[in-house]
Amino acid sequence: MTRPQPTTRDAYRQFITITTRWMDNDVYRHVNNVVYYSFFDTAVNEHLMRSGVLDLDSSPVVSLVVDSGCQFFSPIAFPDVVHCGLRVAHLGSSSVRYEIGIFRNDEALAAAHGHFVHVACDRHTHRPVAMPDNMRRVLEALHHGI
């Protein structure tokens, strides 16, 4: 099996910047692997909120994570700045697969690459629903084929 290679910044449509914190480092003096999943969640939801399609208090449709994964290429450590590149790899009727490149400071190659699958769900029942049109438009702009 061929090991995946790190992506470059030009493979992503949108970037969200996150500052690492002292507590993100583990005993090995680099950002612990579980923190990368927090980077994914923060970047995706911040983009949705900034785009006006997610209101944490009142959106009738919320997105729930059903799948995620990460491949690591090089370490990140506090006090590095993380740039999360976002793109959409697949957009279904109620689901979206994000791909997120994690870039350390100004480096051209990703330190990690992950994916994150959201399913649009009714806020109260948590049952899948059709993705709202306004959310679909925002996500179409991130689709790497567009």
C-alpha atoms as a PDB file:
ATOM      1  CA  MET A   1       0.000   0.000   0.000  1.00  0.00           C
ATOM      2  CA  THR A   2       1.311   3.449  -0.914  1.00  0.00           C
ATOM      3  CA  ARG A   3       1.502   5.917   1.958  1.00  0.00           C
ATOM      4  CA  PRO A   4      -0.502   9.098   1.281  1.00  0.00           C
ATOM      5  CA  GLN A   5       1.520  12.243   0.708  1.00  0.00           C
ATOM      6  CA  PRO A   6       0.904  15.621   2.354  1.00  0.00           C
ATOM      7  CA  THR A   7      -1.221  18.072   0.411  1.00  0.00           C
ATOM      8  CA  THR A   8      -0.315  21.675  -0.397  1.00  0.00           C
ATOM      9  CA  ARG A   9      -2.222  24.830   0.490  1.00  0.00           C
ATOM     10  CA  ASP A  10      -3.514  25.340  -3.045  1.00  0.00           C
ATOM     11  CA  ALA A  11      -5.657  22.194  -2.671  1.00  0.00           C
ATOM     12  CA  TYR A  12      -8.036  24.015  -0.295  1.00  0.00           C
ATOM     13  CA  ARG A  13     -10.745  26.637  -0.824  1.00  0.00           C
ATOM     14  CA  GLN A  14     -10.917  28.239   2.623  1.00  0.00           C
ATOM     15  CA  PHE A  15      -8.612  28.626   5.632  1.00  0.00           C
ATOM     16  CA  ILE A  16      -9.345  29.010   9.325  1.00  0.00           C
ATOM     17  CA  THR A  17      -6.462  29.963  11.650  1.00  0.00           C
ATOM     18  CA  ILE A  18      -6.153  28.452  15.131  1.00  0.00           C
ATOM     19  CA  THR A  19      -3.485  29.226  17.717  1.00  0.00           C
ATOM     20  CA  THR A  20      -2.146  26.221  19.582  1.00  0.00           C
ATOM     21  CA  ARG A  21      -2.299  26.266  23.362  1.00  0.00           C
ATOM     22  CA  TRP A  22       0.189  25.130  25.998  1.00  0.00           C
ATOM     23  CA  MET A  23      -2.161  22.313  27.006  1.00  0.00           C
ATOM     24  CA  ASP A  24      -2.265  20.952  23.425  1.00  0.00           C
ATOM     25  CA  ASN A  25       1.261  19.541  23.812  1.00  0.00           C
ATOM     26  CA  ASP A  26       1.647  16.070  25.235  1.00  0.00           C
ATOM     27  CA  VAL A  27       4.500  14.448  27.132  1.00  0.00           C
ATOM     28  CA  TYR A  28       6.384  14.069  23.826  1.00  0.00           C
ATOM     29  CA  ARG A  29       6.308  17.875  23.392  1.00  0.00           C
ATOM     30  CA  HIS A  30       4.103  17.968  20.327  1.00  0.00           C
ATOM     31  CA  VAL A  31       0.374  18.481  19.801  1.00  0.00           C
ATOM     32  CA  ASN A  32      -1.412  15.297  20.819  1.00  0.00           C
ATOM     33  CA  ASN A  33      -3.282  13.450  18.071  1.00  0.00           C
ATOM     34  CA  VAL A  34      -6.711  13.977  19.656  1.00  0.00           C
ATOM     35  CA  VAL A  35      -6.281  17.756  19.358  1.00  0.00           C
ATOM     36  CA  TYR A  36      -6.280  17.468  15.557  1.00  0.00           C
ATOM     37  CA  TYR A  37      -9.905  16.318  15.722  1.00  0.00           C
ATOM     38  CA  SER A  38     -10.705  19.458  17.686  1.00  0.00           C
ATOM     39  CA  PHE A  39      -8.994  21.481  14.941  1.00  0.00           C
ATOM     40  CA  PHE A  40     -11.262  19.786  12.365  1.00  0.00           C
ATOM     41  CA  ASP A  41     -14.418  20.445  14.375  1.00  0.00           C
ATOM     42  CA  THR A  42     -13.453  24.059  15.105  1.00  0.00           C
ATOM     43  CA  ALA A  43     -12.551  24.864  11.488  1.00  0.00           C
ATOM     44  CA  VAL A  44     -15.700  23.340   9.971  1.00  0.00           C
ATOM     45  CA  ASN A  45     -18.124  24.854  12.476  1.00  0.00           C
ATOM     46  CA  GLU A  46     -16.429  28.250  12.476  1.00  0.00           C
ATOM     47  CA  HIS A  47     -16.762  28.344   8.687  1.00  0.00           C
ATOM     48  CA  LEU A  48     -20.455  27.410   8.887  1.00  0.00           C
ATOM     49  CA  MET A  49     -21.107  30.065  11.557  1.00  0.00           C
ATOM     50  CA  ARG A  50     -19.159  32.784   9.690  1.00  0.00           C
ATOM     51  CA  SER A  51     -21.121  31.896   6.548  1.00  0.00           C
ATOM     52  CA  GLY A  52     -24.408  32.394   8.391  1.00  0.00           C
ATOM     53  CA  VAL A  53     -25.716  28.830   7.964  1.00  0.00           C
ATOM     54  CA  LEU A  54     -25.195  27.645  11.546  1.00  0.00           C
ATOM     55  CA  ASP A  55     -26.637  29.315  14.614  1.00  0.00           C
ATOM     56  CA  LEU A  56     -25.759  27.267  17.681  1.00  0.00           C
ATOM     57  CA  ASP A  57     -28.934  28.346  19.497  1.00  0.00           C
ATOM     58  CA  SER A  58     -31.601  28.300  16.822  1.00  0.00           C
ATOM     59  CA  SER A  59     -30.699  26.429  13.630  1.00  0.00           C
ATOM     60  CA  PRO A  60     -33.479  23.850  13.035  1.00  0.00           C
ATOM     61  CA  VAL A  61     -30.913  21.610  11.279  1.00  0.00           C
ATOM     62  CA  VAL A  62     -27.667  20.632  12.976  1.00  0.00           C
ATOM     63  CA  SER A  63     -24.796  18.606  11.576  1.00  0.00           C
ATOM     64  CA  LEU A  64     -23.631  15.513  13.427  1.00  0.00           C
ATOM     65  CA  VAL A  65     -20.297  13.765  12.863  1.00  0.00           C
ATOM     66  CA  VAL A  66     -20.618  10.176  11.625  1.00  0.00           C
ATOM     67  CA  ASP A  67     -17.047   9.529  10.461  1.00  0.00           C
ATOM     68  CA  SER A  68     -13.604  11.083  10.862  1.00  0.00           C
ATOM     69  CA  GLY A  69      -9.985  10.189  10.352  1.00  0.00           C
ATOM     70  CA  CYS A  70      -6.505  11.674  10.230  1.00  0.00           C
ATOM     71  CA  GLN A  71      -3.116  10.960   8.687  1.00  0.00           C
ATOM     72  CA  PHE A  72      -0.076  12.563  10.274  1.00  0.00           C
ATOM     73  CA  PHE A  73       3.007  13.709   8.368  1.00  0.00           C
ATOM     74  CA  SER A  74       4.987  16.040  10.659  1.00  0.00           C
ATOM     75  CA  PRO A  75       4.631  17.357  14.217  1.00  0.00           C
ATOM     76  CA  ILE A  76       3.101  20.593  15.445  1.00  0.00           C
ATOM     77  CA  ALA A  77       3.892  22.030  18.889  1.00  0.00           C
ATOM     78  CA  PHE A  78       2.904  25.015  21.001  1.00  0.00           C
ATOM     79  CA  PRO A  79       3.328  27.925  20.167  1.00  0.00           C
ATOM     80  CA  ASP A  80       2.766  27.085  16.474  1.00  0.00           C
ATOM     81  CA  VAL A  81      -0.104  28.619  14.536  1.00  0.00           C
ATOM     82  CA  VAL A  82      -2.302  26.139  12.693  1.00  0.00           C
ATOM     83  CA  HIS A  83      -3.934  26.966   9.369  1.00  0.00           C
ATOM     84  CA  CYS A  84      -6.810  24.586   8.611  1.00  0.00           C
ATOM     85  CA  GLY A  85      -7.514  24.302   4.894  1.00  0.00           C
ATOM     86  CA  LEU A  86     -11.099  23.260   4.089  1.00  0.00           C
ATOM     87  CA  ARG A  87     -12.555  21.613   1.030  1.00  0.00           C
ATOM     88  CA  VAL A  88     -15.582  19.443   0.307  1.00  0.00           C
ATOM     89  CA  ALA A  89     -14.878  16.067  -1.290  1.00  0.00           C
ATOM     90  CA  HIS A  90     -18.496  14.853  -1.470  1.00  0.00           C
ATOM     91  CA  LEU A  91     -21.843  16.571  -1.102  1.00  0.00           C
ATOM     92  CA  GLY A  92     -24.894  14.325  -0.792  1.00  0.00           C
ATOM     93  CA  SER A  93     -28.548  15.066  -0.104  1.00  0.00           C
ATOM     94  CA  SER A  94     -28.022  15.099   3.674  1.00  0.00           C
ATOM     95  CA  SER A  95     -24.286  14.504   4.117  1.00  0.00           C
ATOM     96  CA  VAL A  96     -21.001  16.237   3.392  1.00  0.00           C
ATOM     97  CA  ARG A  97     -17.440  14.934   3.517  1.00  0.00           C
ATOM     98  CA  TYR A  98     -14.962  17.633   4.430  1.00  0.00           C
ATOM     99  CA  GLU A  99     -11.259  17.251   3.889  1.00  0.00           C
ATOM    100  CA  ILE A 100      -9.054  19.327   6.145  1.00  0.00           C
ATOM    101  CA  GLY A 101      -5.369  20.062   5.664  1.00  0.00           C
ATOM    102  CA  ILE A 102      -3.526  21.063   8.831  1.00  0.00           C
ATOM    103  CA  PHE A 103      -0.638  23.420   8.075  1.00  0.00           C
ATOM    104  CA  ARG A 104       1.997  24.486  10.621  1.00  0.00           C
ATOM    105  CA  ASN A 105       2.853  28.196  10.563  1.00  0.00           C
ATOM    106  CA  ASP A 106       3.769  29.145   6.980  1.00  0.00           C
ATOM    107  CA  GLU A 107       4.764  25.670   5.797  1.00  0.00           C
ATOM    108  CA  ALA A 108       3.661  24.728   2.278  1.00  0.00           C
ATOM    109  CA  LEU A 109       3.036  21.017   2.997  1.00  0.00           C
ATOM    110  CA  ALA A 110       0.351  19.780   5.359  1.00  0.00           C
ATOM    111  CA  ALA A 111       1.485  18.431   8.730  1.00  0.00           C
ATOM    112  CA  ALA A 112      -1.687  16.325   8.727  1.00  0.00           C
ATOM    113  CA  HIS A 113      -4.682  15.609   6.523  1.00  0.00           C
ATOM    114  CA  GLY A 114      -8.057  14.537   7.800  1.00  0.00           C
ATOM    115  CA  HIS A 115     -11.648  13.993   6.862  1.00  0.00           C
ATOM    116  CA  PHE A 116     -14.850  14.721   8.675  1.00  0.00           C
ATOM    117  CA  VAL A 117     -18.341  13.576   7.589  1.00  0.00           C
ATOM    118  CA  HIS A 118     -21.370  15.539   8.749  1.00  0.00           C
ATOM    119  CA  VAL A 119     -24.996  14.452   8.359  1.00  0.00           C
ATOM    120  CA  ALA A 120     -27.704  17.128   8.436  1.00  0.00           C
ATOM    121  CA  CYS A 121     -30.148  16.238  11.215  1.00  0.00           C
ATOM    122  CA  ASP A 122     -33.249  17.666  12.834  1.00  0.00           C
ATOM    123  CA  ARG A 123     -32.123  19.514  15.972  1.00  0.00           C
ATOM    124  CA  HIS A 124     -34.644  17.736  18.215  1.00  0.00           C
ATOM    125  CA  THR A 125     -34.930  14.209  16.825  1.00  0.00           C
ATOM    126  CA  HIS A 126     -31.354  13.880  15.509  1.00  0.00           C
ATOM    127  CA  ARG A 127     -32.808  12.087  12.479  1.00  0.00           C
ATOM    128  CA  PRO A 128     -31.285  12.842   9.040  1.00  0.00           C
ATOM    129  CA  VAL A 129     -33.005  15.498   6.940  1.00  0.00           C
ATOM    130  CA  ALA A 130     -32.330  17.124   3.591  1.00  0.00           C
ATOM    131  CA  MET A 131     -29.552  19.669   3.761  1.00  0.00           C
ATOM    132  CA  PRO A 132     -30.937  23.239   3.783  1.00  0.00           C
ATOM    133  CA  ASP A 133     -30.429  25.127   0.501  1.00  0.00           C
ATOM    134  CA  ASN A 134     -28.404  27.932   2.105  1.00  0.00           C
ATOM    135  CA  MET A 135     -25.994  25.407   3.644  1.00  0.00           C
ATOM    136  CA  ARG A 136     -25.700  23.531   0.338  1.00  0.00           C
ATOM    137  CA  ARG A 137     -24.707  26.767  -1.452  1.00  0.00           C
ATOM    138  CA  VAL A 138     -21.970  27.459   1.130  1.00  0.00           C
ATOM    139  CA  LEU A 139     -20.654  23.899   0.830  1.00  0.00           C
ATOM    140  CA  GLU A 140     -20.758  23.906  -2.973  1.00  0.00           C
ATOM    141  CA  ALA A 141     -18.302  26.821  -2.878  1.00  0.00           C
ATOM    142  CA  LEU A 142     -15.864  24.552  -0.983  1.00  0.00           C
ATOM    143  CA  HIS A 143     -16.224  21.627  -3.350  1.00  0.00           C
ATOM    144  CA  HIS A 144     -12.792  20.969  -4.822  1.00  0.00           C
ATOM    145  CA  GLY A 145     -14.299  20.118  -8.206  1.00  0.00           C
ATOM    146  CA  ILE A 146     -15.936  23.529  -8.608  1.00  0.00           C
END
